[in-house]
Amino acid sequence: MDIIANWSVWAEIIATITGVLCVYLQTKEKVSAWFFGIISVSLLAMIFLDAHLVSDFILHIIFLILNIYGWWTWRNYKNEQHNENKVLVLSKNGWVIVVSTILLVTPLWGYTMLRYFNADFAYFDAFTTVGSLVAQYLLAKKYIENWLVWIIVDIVAIGVYTLKGLFFVAFLFMVYLVLCTKGYLDWKKRDRNNYSHPINHLIDKQ
């Protein structure tokens, strides 16, 4: 195979590198993280479309929208006076919404994938998909609990990819697991002297 002629190979490599950079910079709360995230998910969307993996293509289009939203949100936080270090915290009601969304949507998505596409590990794969979307939204809004959701998603994903023999992808998610753990610990211990809870968010801890 001529690797130079195969654009998808280079796209996968660039998507992987920019994806890792994105997560690392997010642990540092850098707005520039979203730039790398946009590159990564855009390339993956192109790869999945070329491979006729419509479900994965649609998923990464949603990720693209969430990355653009995250960039816009974090940029606004940075520009707000006294909110450079703004991080939100889920209330009990927020946790109920997050957990309920994952528990309700996962079996529906898993059944659809199993019934119409005969997918392997359909319900575990559905969990990683739904959990990723929820975690990405929480990250875009800058809820610290996004890292906890990502950690659980990564653990499940590592198991699924290992069982499927996708050892490189499983290793990549191990890297993500380490970065997400670092992200949670770093965000939690960082000085939040400028932090204040907004009063108009339904699921923020007041």
N, C-alpha and C. Protein backbone atom coordinates (compact mmCIF):
# COMPACT_ATOMS: atom_id res chain seq x y z
N MET A 1 0.85 -1.20 0.00
CA MET A 1 0.00 0.00 0.00
C MET A 1 0.88 1.25 0.00
N ASP A 2 0.59 2.16 -0.88
CA ASP A 2 1.32 3.42 -0.94
C ASP A 2 0.73 4.38 0.08
N ILE A 3 1.41 4.52 1.21
CA ILE A 3 0.86 5.33 2.31
C ILE A 3 0.71 6.79 1.92
N ILE A 4 1.58 7.26 0.98
CA ILE A 4 1.49 8.65 0.55
C ILE A 4 0.21 8.89 -0.23
N ALA A 5 -0.20 7.87 -1.00
CA ALA A 5 -1.39 8.02 -1.84
C ALA A 5 -2.67 7.82 -1.05
N ASN A 6 -2.56 7.22 0.11
CA ASN A 6 -3.75 6.92 0.90
C ASN A 6 -4.01 8.07 1.87
N TRP A 7 -4.86 8.99 1.48
CA TRP A 7 -5.11 10.18 2.29
C TRP A 7 -5.71 9.84 3.65
N SER A 8 -6.49 8.75 3.71
CA SER A 8 -7.17 8.41 4.96
C SER A 8 -6.17 8.01 6.05
N VAL A 9 -5.05 7.41 5.66
CA VAL A 9 -4.03 7.04 6.64
C VAL A 9 -3.47 8.30 7.30
N TRP A 10 -3.11 9.29 6.46
CA TRP A 10 -2.59 10.55 6.98
C TRP A 10 -3.66 11.28 7.78
N ALA A 11 -4.90 11.18 7.32
CA ALA A 11 -5.98 11.83 8.06
C ALA A 11 -6.14 11.21 9.44
N GLU A 12 -6.04 9.89 9.54
CA GLU A 12 -6.13 9.20 10.83
C GLU A 12 -5.00 9.63 11.76
N ILE A 13 -3.78 9.72 11.19
CA ILE A 13 -2.63 10.11 11.99
C ILE A 13 -2.80 11.52 12.54
N ILE A 14 -3.19 12.45 11.65
CA ILE A 14 -3.39 13.85 12.07
C ILE A 14 -4.54 13.95 13.06
N ALA A 15 -5.62 13.20 12.82
CA ALA A 15 -6.78 13.23 13.71
C ALA A 15 -6.39 12.72 15.10
N THR A 16 -5.55 11.70 15.15
CA THR A 16 -5.11 11.15 16.43
C THR A 16 -4.25 12.15 17.19
N ILE A 17 -3.28 12.74 16.49
CA ILE A 17 -2.37 13.70 17.13
C ILE A 17 -3.13 14.92 17.63
N THR A 18 -3.99 15.47 16.79
CA THR A 18 -4.75 16.66 17.19
C THR A 18 -5.76 16.33 18.28
N GLY A 19 -6.29 15.09 18.27
CA GLY A 19 -7.21 14.68 19.32
C GLY A 19 -6.54 14.63 20.68
N VAL A 20 -5.34 14.07 20.73
CA VAL A 20 -4.58 14.01 21.98
C VAL A 20 -4.20 15.41 22.44
N LEU A 21 -3.76 16.26 21.50
CA LEU A 21 -3.42 17.64 21.82
C LEU A 21 -4.63 18.38 22.40
N CYS A 22 -5.78 18.14 21.80
CA CYS A 22 -7.00 18.79 22.24
C CYS A 22 -7.29 18.46 23.70
N VAL A 23 -7.27 17.16 24.04
CA VAL A 23 -7.58 16.75 25.41
C VAL A 23 -6.54 17.30 26.39
N TYR A 24 -5.27 17.24 26.00
CA TYR A 24 -4.21 17.75 26.87
C TYR A 24 -4.41 19.24 27.16
N LEU A 25 -4.69 20.02 26.12
CA LEU A 25 -4.88 21.46 26.30
C LEU A 25 -6.16 21.76 27.08
N GLN A 26 -7.17 20.88 26.96
CA GLN A 26 -8.38 21.06 27.75
C GLN A 26 -8.09 20.87 29.24
N THR A 27 -7.18 19.95 29.56
CA THR A 27 -6.82 19.79 30.97
C THR A 27 -6.15 21.05 31.50
N LYS A 28 -5.54 21.83 30.59
CA LYS A 28 -4.89 23.09 30.96
C LYS A 28 -5.84 24.28 30.83
N GLU A 29 -7.09 24.00 30.43
CA GLU A 29 -8.11 25.04 30.25
C GLU A 29 -7.71 26.07 29.21
N LYS A 30 -7.09 25.62 28.13
CA LYS A 30 -6.69 26.50 27.04
C LYS A 30 -7.78 26.53 25.97
N VAL A 31 -8.21 27.73 25.61
CA VAL A 31 -9.23 27.87 24.58
C VAL A 31 -8.76 27.28 23.25
N SER A 32 -7.46 27.33 23.00
CA SER A 32 -6.90 26.79 21.75
C SER A 32 -7.14 25.30 21.60
N ALA A 33 -7.50 24.61 22.69
CA ALA A 33 -7.77 23.17 22.62
C ALA A 33 -8.85 22.86 21.60
N TRP A 34 -9.85 23.74 21.54
CA TRP A 34 -10.99 23.47 20.67
C TRP A 34 -10.62 23.55 19.19
N PHE A 35 -9.59 24.33 18.86
CA PHE A 35 -9.10 24.40 17.48
C PHE A 35 -8.63 23.02 17.03
N PHE A 36 -7.84 22.36 17.89
CA PHE A 36 -7.35 21.02 17.56
C PHE A 36 -8.48 20.00 17.56
N GLY A 37 -9.45 20.20 18.45
CA GLY A 37 -10.60 19.31 18.48
C GLY A 37 -11.41 19.39 17.20
N ILE A 38 -11.59 20.60 16.70
CA ILE A 38 -12.33 20.80 15.45
C ILE A 38 -11.63 20.10 14.29
N ILE A 39 -10.30 20.21 14.24
CA ILE A 39 -9.53 19.54 13.18
C ILE A 39 -9.71 18.03 13.29
N SER A 40 -9.58 17.49 14.51
CA SER A 40 -9.65 16.05 14.72
C SER A 40 -11.00 15.47 14.32
N VAL A 41 -12.09 16.04 14.82
CA VAL A 41 -13.41 15.47 14.53
C VAL A 41 -13.81 15.70 13.08
N SER A 42 -13.33 16.79 12.46
CA SER A 42 -13.63 17.04 11.05
C SER A 42 -12.98 15.97 10.17
N LEU A 43 -11.72 15.65 10.46
CA LEU A 43 -11.02 14.61 9.70
C LEU A 43 -11.67 13.25 9.90
N LEU A 44 -12.05 12.95 11.14
CA LEU A 44 -12.70 11.67 11.41
C LEU A 44 -14.05 11.58 10.70
N ALA A 45 -14.78 12.68 10.65
CA ALA A 45 -16.06 12.69 9.93
C ALA A 45 -15.85 12.38 8.46
N MET A 46 -14.81 12.96 7.86
CA MET A 46 -14.49 12.69 6.46
C MET A 46 -14.12 11.23 6.24
N ILE A 47 -13.35 10.67 7.17
CA ILE A 47 -12.93 9.27 7.08
C ILE A 47 -14.13 8.35 7.15
N PHE A 48 -15.03 8.61 8.11
CA PHE A 48 -16.20 7.75 8.27
C PHE A 48 -17.16 7.88 7.09
N LEU A 49 -17.28 9.09 6.53
CA LEU A 49 -18.14 9.26 5.37
C LEU A 49 -17.58 8.49 4.17
N ASP A 50 -16.27 8.57 3.98
CA ASP A 50 -15.62 7.85 2.89
C ASP A 50 -15.77 6.34 3.06
N ALA A 51 -15.82 5.88 4.31
CA ALA A 51 -15.96 4.44 4.59
C ALA A 51 -17.41 4.01 4.66
N HIS A 52 -18.34 4.94 4.38
CA HIS A 52 -19.78 4.66 4.41
C HIS A 52 -20.26 4.24 5.80
N LEU A 53 -19.61 4.74 6.83
CA LEU A 53 -20.04 4.51 8.20
C LEU A 53 -20.89 5.71 8.62
N VAL A 54 -22.15 5.66 8.21
CA VAL A 54 -23.03 6.81 8.33
C VAL A 54 -23.26 7.22 9.78
N SER A 55 -23.46 6.22 10.65
CA SER A 55 -23.73 6.51 12.06
C SER A 55 -22.55 7.25 12.70
N ASP A 56 -21.33 6.76 12.44
CA ASP A 56 -20.15 7.42 12.98
C ASP A 56 -19.96 8.80 12.37
N PHE A 57 -20.31 8.95 11.09
CA PHE A 57 -20.21 10.25 10.44
C PHE A 57 -21.14 11.26 11.12
N ILE A 58 -22.40 10.86 11.34
CA ILE A 58 -23.37 11.74 11.99
C ILE A 58 -22.90 12.09 13.40
N LEU A 59 -22.39 11.08 14.12
CA LEU A 59 -21.90 11.31 15.48
C LEU A 59 -20.81 12.37 15.50
N HIS A 60 -19.88 12.31 14.54
CA HIS A 60 -18.77 13.26 14.55
C HIS A 60 -19.18 14.64 14.02
N ILE A 61 -20.25 14.70 13.26
CA ILE A 61 -20.80 16.01 12.91
C ILE A 61 -21.35 16.67 14.18
N ILE A 62 -22.00 15.87 15.04
CA ILE A 62 -22.48 16.40 16.32
C ILE A 62 -21.30 16.84 17.19
N PHE A 63 -20.23 16.02 17.20
CA PHE A 63 -19.02 16.39 17.93
C PHE A 63 -18.44 17.70 17.40
N LEU A 64 -18.49 17.87 16.08
CA LEU A 64 -17.98 19.10 15.47
C LEU A 64 -18.76 20.31 15.99
N ILE A 65 -20.07 20.18 16.02
CA ILE A 65 -20.93 21.26 16.52
C ILE A 65 -20.61 21.56 17.99
N LEU A 66 -20.43 20.49 18.79
CA LEU A 66 -20.12 20.67 20.21
C LEU A 66 -18.75 21.29 20.42
N ASN A 67 -17.79 20.96 19.54
CA ASN A 67 -16.46 21.57 19.64
C ASN A 67 -16.52 23.06 19.32
N ILE A 68 -17.29 23.42 18.30
CA ILE A 68 -17.45 24.84 17.96
C ILE A 68 -18.15 25.57 19.12
N TYR A 69 -19.16 24.93 19.68
CA TYR A 69 -19.88 25.51 20.83
C TYR A 69 -18.94 25.65 22.03
N GLY A 70 -18.10 24.64 22.27
CA GLY A 70 -17.15 24.70 23.38
C GLY A 70 -16.16 25.83 23.21
N TRP A 71 -15.67 26.00 21.98
CA TRP A 71 -14.74 27.10 21.70
C TRP A 71 -15.40 28.44 21.98
N TRP A 72 -16.64 28.60 21.51
CA TRP A 72 -17.37 29.85 21.71
C TRP A 72 -17.62 30.10 23.20
N THR A 73 -18.02 29.06 23.94
CA THR A 73 -18.32 29.20 25.36
C THR A 73 -17.08 29.54 26.17
N TRP A 74 -16.00 28.78 25.96
CA TRP A 74 -14.77 29.04 26.72
C TRP A 74 -14.20 30.41 26.40
N ARG A 75 -14.31 30.83 25.14
CA ARG A 75 -13.80 32.14 24.75
C ARG A 75 -14.59 33.24 25.47
N ASN A 76 -15.89 33.07 25.58
CA ASN A 76 -16.70 34.05 26.29
C ASN A 76 -16.37 34.07 27.77
N TYR A 77 -16.14 32.88 28.36
CA TYR A 77 -15.76 32.83 29.78
C TYR A 77 -14.47 33.61 30.00
N LYS A 78 -13.51 33.42 29.08
CA LYS A 78 -12.21 34.08 29.22
C LYS A 78 -12.35 35.58 29.12
N ASN A 79 -13.31 36.03 28.32
CA ASN A 79 -13.46 37.47 28.09
C ASN A 79 -14.29 38.15 29.17
N GLU A 80 -15.00 37.34 30.00
CA GLU A 80 -15.81 37.93 31.06
C GLU A 80 -14.92 38.36 32.22
N GLN A 81 -15.20 39.51 32.76
CA GLN A 81 -14.41 40.02 33.88
C GLN A 81 -14.51 39.07 35.08
N HIS A 82 -13.37 38.73 35.68
CA HIS A 82 -13.27 37.88 36.87
C HIS A 82 -13.72 36.44 36.61
N ASN A 83 -13.79 36.00 35.37
CA ASN A 83 -14.23 34.64 35.10
C ASN A 83 -13.22 33.83 34.29
N GLU A 84 -11.96 34.24 34.33
CA GLU A 84 -10.94 33.51 33.58
C GLU A 84 -10.82 32.06 34.03
N ASN A 85 -11.06 31.80 35.31
CA ASN A 85 -10.92 30.46 35.86
C ASN A 85 -12.27 29.80 36.13
N LYS A 86 -13.27 30.23 35.41
CA LYS A 86 -14.62 29.76 35.67
C LYS A 86 -14.76 28.27 35.39
N VAL A 87 -15.26 27.55 36.38
CA VAL A 87 -15.60 26.14 36.22
C VAL A 87 -16.92 25.90 36.95
N LEU A 88 -17.83 25.20 36.32
CA LEU A 88 -19.14 24.94 36.91
C LEU A 88 -19.14 23.58 37.61
N VAL A 89 -20.07 23.44 38.55
CA VAL A 89 -20.20 22.20 39.32
C VAL A 89 -21.65 21.73 39.26
N LEU A 90 -21.84 20.46 38.97
CA LEU A 90 -23.19 19.91 38.88
C LEU A 90 -23.85 19.85 40.26
N SER A 91 -25.11 20.20 40.30
CA SER A 91 -25.90 20.02 41.51
C SER A 91 -26.43 18.59 41.52
N LYS A 92 -27.15 18.22 42.57
CA LYS A 92 -27.77 16.88 42.63
C LYS A 92 -28.75 16.71 41.47
N ASN A 93 -29.53 17.76 41.19
CA ASN A 93 -30.46 17.68 40.06
C ASN A 93 -29.72 17.52 38.74
N GLY A 94 -28.57 18.17 38.65
CA GLY A 94 -27.75 18.05 37.45
C GLY A 94 -27.29 16.62 37.24
N TRP A 95 -26.85 16.00 38.32
CA TRP A 95 -26.42 14.59 38.23
C TRP A 95 -27.58 13.69 37.81
N VAL A 96 -28.77 13.98 38.35
CA VAL A 96 -29.96 13.19 37.98
C VAL A 96 -30.22 13.30 36.49
N ILE A 97 -30.11 14.53 35.95
CA ILE A 97 -30.33 14.74 34.52
C ILE A 97 -29.29 14.00 33.69
N VAL A 98 -28.03 14.10 34.09
CA VAL A 98 -26.94 13.46 33.34
C VAL A 98 -27.09 11.95 33.35
N VAL A 99 -27.26 11.37 34.55
CA VAL A 99 -27.36 9.91 34.66
C VAL A 99 -28.62 9.39 33.97
N SER A 100 -29.73 10.10 34.15
CA SER A 100 -30.99 9.68 33.52
C SER A 100 -30.89 9.69 32.00
N THR A 101 -30.26 10.73 31.46
CA THR A 101 -30.09 10.82 30.01
C THR A 101 -29.30 9.62 29.48
N ILE A 102 -28.20 9.30 30.15
CA ILE A 102 -27.37 8.17 29.70
C ILE A 102 -28.12 6.85 29.84
N LEU A 103 -28.81 6.64 30.97
CA LEU A 103 -29.50 5.38 31.21
C LEU A 103 -30.71 5.19 30.30
N LEU A 104 -31.36 6.29 29.91
CA LEU A 104 -32.54 6.19 29.05
C LEU A 104 -32.19 6.05 27.57
N VAL A 105 -31.20 6.81 27.14
CA VAL A 105 -30.86 6.83 25.71
C VAL A 105 -30.00 5.63 25.31
N THR A 106 -29.12 5.18 26.20
CA THR A 106 -28.20 4.08 25.87
C THR A 106 -28.92 2.82 25.41
N PRO A 107 -29.91 2.29 26.16
CA PRO A 107 -30.57 1.07 25.69
C PRO A 107 -31.35 1.26 24.39
N LEU A 108 -31.89 2.46 24.17
CA LEU A 108 -32.61 2.72 22.92
C LEU A 108 -31.66 2.71 21.74
N TRP A 109 -30.51 3.37 21.92
CA TRP A 109 -29.51 3.40 20.85
C TRP A 109 -28.91 2.01 20.64
N GLY A 110 -28.65 1.29 21.73
CA GLY A 110 -28.09 -0.05 21.63
C GLY A 110 -29.03 -0.99 20.92
N TYR A 111 -30.32 -0.92 21.24
CA TYR A 111 -31.31 -1.78 20.58
C TYR A 111 -31.37 -1.48 19.09
N THR A 112 -31.34 -0.20 18.75
CA THR A 112 -31.39 0.19 17.33
C THR A 112 -30.18 -0.36 16.58
N MET A 113 -28.99 -0.23 17.17
CA MET A 113 -27.78 -0.73 16.52
C MET A 113 -27.79 -2.24 16.38
N LEU A 114 -28.33 -2.93 17.40
CA LEU A 114 -28.39 -4.39 17.36
C LEU A 114 -29.46 -4.88 16.40
N ARG A 115 -30.61 -4.22 16.44
CA ARG A 115 -31.76 -4.67 15.64
C ARG A 115 -31.55 -4.42 14.15
N TYR A 116 -31.03 -3.27 13.79
CA TYR A 116 -30.96 -2.89 12.38
C TYR A 116 -29.56 -3.03 11.77
N PHE A 117 -28.53 -3.08 12.62
CA PHE A 117 -27.17 -3.16 12.09
C PHE A 117 -26.39 -4.36 12.62
N ASN A 118 -27.02 -5.14 13.51
CA ASN A 118 -26.38 -6.33 14.07
C ASN A 118 -24.99 -6.00 14.63
N ALA A 119 -24.90 -4.90 15.33
CA ALA A 119 -23.62 -4.40 15.83
C ALA A 119 -23.08 -5.29 16.95
N ASP A 120 -21.75 -5.42 17.01
CA ASP A 120 -21.10 -6.13 18.11
C ASP A 120 -21.08 -5.24 19.34
N PHE A 121 -21.24 -5.88 20.51
CA PHE A 121 -21.23 -5.15 21.79
C PHE A 121 -22.11 -3.90 21.70
N ALA A 122 -23.30 -4.10 21.14
CA ALA A 122 -24.17 -2.96 20.80
C ALA A 122 -24.44 -2.03 21.98
N TYR A 123 -24.75 -2.61 23.14
CA TYR A 123 -25.14 -1.77 24.27
C TYR A 123 -23.94 -1.09 24.92
N PHE A 124 -22.80 -1.78 24.94
CA PHE A 124 -21.59 -1.14 25.45
C PHE A 124 -21.13 -0.03 24.50
N ASP A 125 -21.23 -0.30 23.21
CA ASP A 125 -20.87 0.72 22.22
C ASP A 125 -21.82 1.90 22.30
N ALA A 126 -23.11 1.61 22.53
CA ALA A 126 -24.10 2.68 22.68
C ALA A 126 -23.79 3.53 23.90
N PHE A 127 -23.34 2.88 24.98
CA PHE A 127 -23.00 3.63 26.19
C PHE A 127 -21.85 4.59 25.93
N THR A 128 -20.82 4.12 25.22
CA THR A 128 -19.68 5.00 24.94
C THR A 128 -20.09 6.16 24.04
N THR A 129 -21.02 5.89 23.12
CA THR A 129 -21.49 6.95 22.23
C THR A 129 -22.29 8.00 22.99
N VAL A 130 -23.29 7.55 23.74
CA VAL A 130 -24.15 8.48 24.49
C VAL A 130 -23.35 9.18 25.58
N GLY A 131 -22.51 8.41 26.29
CA GLY A 131 -21.70 9.00 27.34
C GLY A 131 -20.74 10.04 26.81
N SER A 132 -20.18 9.79 25.62
CA SER A 132 -19.25 10.74 25.00
C SER A 132 -19.95 12.05 24.67
N LEU A 133 -21.17 11.96 24.14
CA LEU A 133 -21.91 13.16 23.79
C LEU A 133 -22.25 13.98 25.04
N VAL A 134 -22.67 13.28 26.09
CA VAL A 134 -22.98 13.97 27.34
C VAL A 134 -21.73 14.62 27.93
N ALA A 135 -20.63 13.86 27.94
CA ALA A 135 -19.38 14.38 28.48
C ALA A 135 -18.88 15.58 27.67
N GLN A 136 -19.03 15.49 26.35
CA GLN A 136 -18.56 16.59 25.49
C GLN A 136 -19.37 17.86 25.74
N TYR A 137 -20.67 17.71 25.97
CA TYR A 137 -21.50 18.87 26.28
C TYR A 137 -21.08 19.48 27.62
N LEU A 138 -20.87 18.62 28.63
CA LEU A 138 -20.43 19.11 29.94
C LEU A 138 -19.08 19.81 29.86
N LEU A 139 -18.19 19.28 29.01
CA LEU A 139 -16.88 19.90 28.82
C LEU A 139 -17.02 21.26 28.14
N ALA A 140 -17.89 21.32 27.13
CA ALA A 140 -18.12 22.59 26.43
C ALA A 140 -18.65 23.66 27.38
N LYS A 141 -19.51 23.23 28.33
CA LYS A 141 -20.04 24.18 29.33
C LYS A 141 -19.08 24.40 30.48
N LYS A 142 -18.02 23.61 30.51
CA LYS A 142 -16.96 23.69 31.52
C LYS A 142 -17.42 23.22 32.90
N TYR A 143 -18.15 22.11 32.93
CA TYR A 143 -18.46 21.43 34.18
C TYR A 143 -17.31 20.49 34.51
N ILE A 144 -16.81 20.56 35.73
CA ILE A 144 -15.68 19.72 36.11
C ILE A 144 -16.02 18.24 36.05
N GLU A 145 -17.30 17.90 36.22
CA GLU A 145 -17.70 16.50 36.21
C GLU A 145 -17.61 15.86 34.84
N ASN A 146 -17.35 16.66 33.80
CA ASN A 146 -17.18 16.08 32.47
C ASN A 146 -16.08 15.03 32.49
N TRP A 147 -15.02 15.28 33.29
CA TRP A 147 -13.89 14.35 33.33
C TRP A 147 -14.29 13.02 33.94
N LEU A 148 -15.18 13.03 34.91
CA LEU A 148 -15.63 11.79 35.52
C LEU A 148 -16.40 10.94 34.52
N VAL A 149 -17.26 11.59 33.73
CA VAL A 149 -18.00 10.86 32.71
C VAL A 149 -17.04 10.31 31.66
N TRP A 150 -16.07 11.14 31.24
CA TRP A 150 -15.08 10.68 30.25
C TRP A 150 -14.29 9.49 30.77
N ILE A 151 -13.93 9.50 32.05
CA ILE A 151 -13.16 8.40 32.63
C ILE A 151 -13.92 7.08 32.52
N ILE A 152 -15.22 7.11 32.85
CA ILE A 152 -16.03 5.90 32.76
C ILE A 152 -16.17 5.45 31.31
N VAL A 153 -16.40 6.41 30.41
CA VAL A 153 -16.52 6.09 28.99
C VAL A 153 -15.23 5.46 28.47
N ASP A 154 -14.10 6.02 28.84
CA ASP A 154 -12.81 5.51 28.37
C ASP A 154 -12.56 4.09 28.86
N ILE A 155 -12.91 3.80 30.12
CA ILE A 155 -12.71 2.46 30.67
C ILE A 155 -13.53 1.43 29.89
N VAL A 156 -14.79 1.76 29.61
CA VAL A 156 -15.64 0.86 28.84
C VAL A 156 -15.12 0.70 27.42
N ALA A 157 -14.71 1.81 26.81
CA ALA A 157 -14.20 1.78 25.44
C ALA A 157 -12.94 0.93 25.33
N ILE A 158 -12.05 1.03 26.31
CA ILE A 158 -10.83 0.22 26.30
C ILE A 158 -11.19 -1.26 26.29
N GLY A 159 -12.17 -1.65 27.10
CA GLY A 159 -12.60 -3.04 27.13
C GLY A 159 -13.17 -3.51 25.80
N VAL A 160 -14.03 -2.68 25.20
CA VAL A 160 -14.66 -3.04 23.93
C VAL A 160 -13.62 -3.18 22.82
N TYR A 161 -12.73 -2.20 22.71
CA TYR A 161 -11.73 -2.23 21.64
C TYR A 161 -10.72 -3.36 21.84
N THR A 162 -10.41 -3.69 23.09
CA THR A 162 -9.51 -4.81 23.35
C THR A 162 -10.15 -6.12 22.93
N LEU A 163 -11.41 -6.31 23.28
CA LEU A 163 -12.12 -7.53 22.89
C LEU A 163 -12.27 -7.65 21.38
N LYS A 164 -12.34 -6.52 20.70
CA LYS A 164 -12.45 -6.51 19.23
C LYS A 164 -11.09 -6.63 18.55
N GLY A 165 -10.01 -6.66 19.33
CA GLY A 165 -8.68 -6.78 18.75
C GLY A 165 -8.13 -5.49 18.19
N LEU A 166 -8.76 -4.36 18.54
CA LEU A 166 -8.30 -3.05 18.07
C LEU A 166 -7.35 -2.48 19.13
N PHE A 167 -6.16 -3.06 19.18
CA PHE A 167 -5.26 -2.77 20.29
C PHE A 167 -4.68 -1.35 20.22
N PHE A 168 -4.45 -0.82 19.00
CA PHE A 168 -3.93 0.54 18.89
C PHE A 168 -4.97 1.54 19.39
N VAL A 169 -6.23 1.32 18.99
CA VAL A 169 -7.31 2.21 19.43
C VAL A 169 -7.49 2.10 20.95
N ALA A 170 -7.38 0.87 21.47
CA ALA A 170 -7.50 0.66 22.92
C ALA A 170 -6.38 1.41 23.65
N PHE A 171 -5.18 1.37 23.08
CA PHE A 171 -4.05 2.09 23.69
C PHE A 171 -4.30 3.59 23.66
N LEU A 172 -4.86 4.08 22.55
CA LEU A 172 -5.18 5.51 22.44
C LEU A 172 -6.14 5.93 23.54
N PHE A 173 -7.14 5.08 23.81
CA PHE A 173 -8.10 5.41 24.86
C PHE A 173 -7.49 5.28 26.25
N MET A 174 -6.45 4.46 26.39
CA MET A 174 -5.71 4.44 27.64
C MET A 174 -5.00 5.78 27.86
N VAL A 175 -4.48 6.35 26.77
CA VAL A 175 -3.87 7.68 26.85
C VAL A 175 -4.92 8.71 27.25
N TYR A 176 -6.10 8.61 26.61
CA TYR A 176 -7.19 9.52 26.97
C TYR A 176 -7.58 9.35 28.44
N LEU A 177 -7.59 8.11 28.92
CA LEU A 177 -7.95 7.84 30.32
C LEU A 177 -6.99 8.54 31.27
N VAL A 178 -5.71 8.46 30.97
CA VAL A 178 -4.69 9.13 31.80
C VAL A 178 -4.90 10.64 31.75
N LEU A 179 -5.14 11.19 30.55
CA LEU A 179 -5.32 12.63 30.40
C LEU A 179 -6.59 13.11 31.11
N CYS A 180 -7.66 12.34 31.03
CA CYS A 180 -8.91 12.73 31.68
C CYS A 180 -8.77 12.69 33.20
N THR A 181 -8.06 11.70 33.70
CA THR A 181 -7.80 11.64 35.14
C THR A 181 -6.98 12.85 35.58
N LYS A 182 -5.96 13.17 34.78
CA LYS A 182 -5.15 14.36 35.05
C LYS A 182 -6.01 15.61 34.99
N GLY A 183 -6.90 15.68 33.99
CA GLY A 183 -7.77 16.84 33.84
C GLY A 183 -8.63 17.07 35.06
N TYR A 184 -9.23 16.00 35.58
CA TYR A 184 -10.09 16.13 36.76
C TYR A 184 -9.29 16.60 37.98
N LEU A 185 -8.14 15.97 38.21
CA LEU A 185 -7.31 16.32 39.37
C LEU A 185 -6.78 17.75 39.26
N ASP A 186 -6.34 18.12 38.04
CA ASP A 186 -5.81 19.47 37.84
C ASP A 186 -6.88 20.53 38.03
N TRP A 187 -8.05 20.31 37.45
CA TRP A 187 -9.13 21.28 37.58
C TRP A 187 -9.55 21.43 39.04
N LYS A 188 -9.56 20.31 39.76
CA LYS A 188 -10.04 20.33 41.14
C LYS A 188 -9.10 21.08 42.07
N LYS A 189 -7.80 20.98 41.82
CA LYS A 189 -6.85 21.61 42.72
C LYS A 189 -6.46 23.02 42.30
N ARG A 190 -6.87 23.43 41.10
CA ARG A 190 -6.47 24.74 40.61
C ARG A 190 -7.15 25.85 41.41
N ASP A 191 -6.46 26.96 41.56
CA ASP A 191 -6.98 28.10 42.31
C ASP A 191 -8.21 28.66 41.60
N ARG A 192 -9.32 28.74 42.33
CA ARG A 192 -10.57 29.25 41.75
C ARG A 192 -11.02 30.52 42.45
N ASN A 193 -10.08 31.38 42.79
CA ASN A 193 -10.44 32.59 43.52
C ASN A 193 -11.39 33.49 42.74
N ASN A 194 -11.32 33.41 41.41
CA ASN A 194 -12.17 34.25 40.57
C ASN A 194 -13.48 33.57 40.21
N TYR A 195 -13.65 32.36 40.72
CA TYR A 195 -14.81 31.56 40.32
C TYR A 195 -16.08 32.01 41.05
N SER A 196 -17.16 32.12 40.32
CA SER A 196 -18.47 32.36 40.93
C SER A 196 -19.50 31.57 40.17
N HIS A 197 -20.46 31.01 40.90
CA HIS A 197 -21.49 30.20 40.25
C HIS A 197 -22.51 31.10 39.56
N PRO A 198 -22.82 30.85 38.29
CA PRO A 198 -23.89 31.62 37.66
C PRO A 198 -25.23 31.23 38.26
N ILE A 199 -26.18 32.11 38.23
CA ILE A 199 -27.45 31.84 38.91
C ILE A 199 -28.54 31.38 37.96
N ASN A 200 -28.27 31.38 36.67
CA ASN A 200 -29.33 31.08 35.72
C ASN A 200 -29.18 29.73 35.04
N HIS A 201 -28.29 28.87 35.55
CA HIS A 201 -28.12 27.56 34.96
C HIS A 201 -28.89 26.53 35.77
N LEU A 202 -29.76 25.79 35.11
CA LEU A 202 -30.65 24.85 35.78
C LEU A 202 -29.88 23.80 36.57
N ILE A 203 -28.76 23.31 36.01
CA ILE A 203 -28.11 22.18 36.65
C ILE A 203 -26.82 22.55 37.36
N ASP A 204 -26.58 23.85 37.57
CA ASP A 204 -25.40 24.26 38.32
C ASP A 204 -25.65 24.12 39.82
N LYS A 205 -24.62 23.79 40.55
CA LYS A 205 -24.67 23.80 42.00
C LYS A 205 -24.64 25.24 42.47
N GLN A 206 -25.60 25.59 43.26
CA GLN A 206 -25.71 26.99 43.71
C GLN A 206 -25.00 27.17 45.04
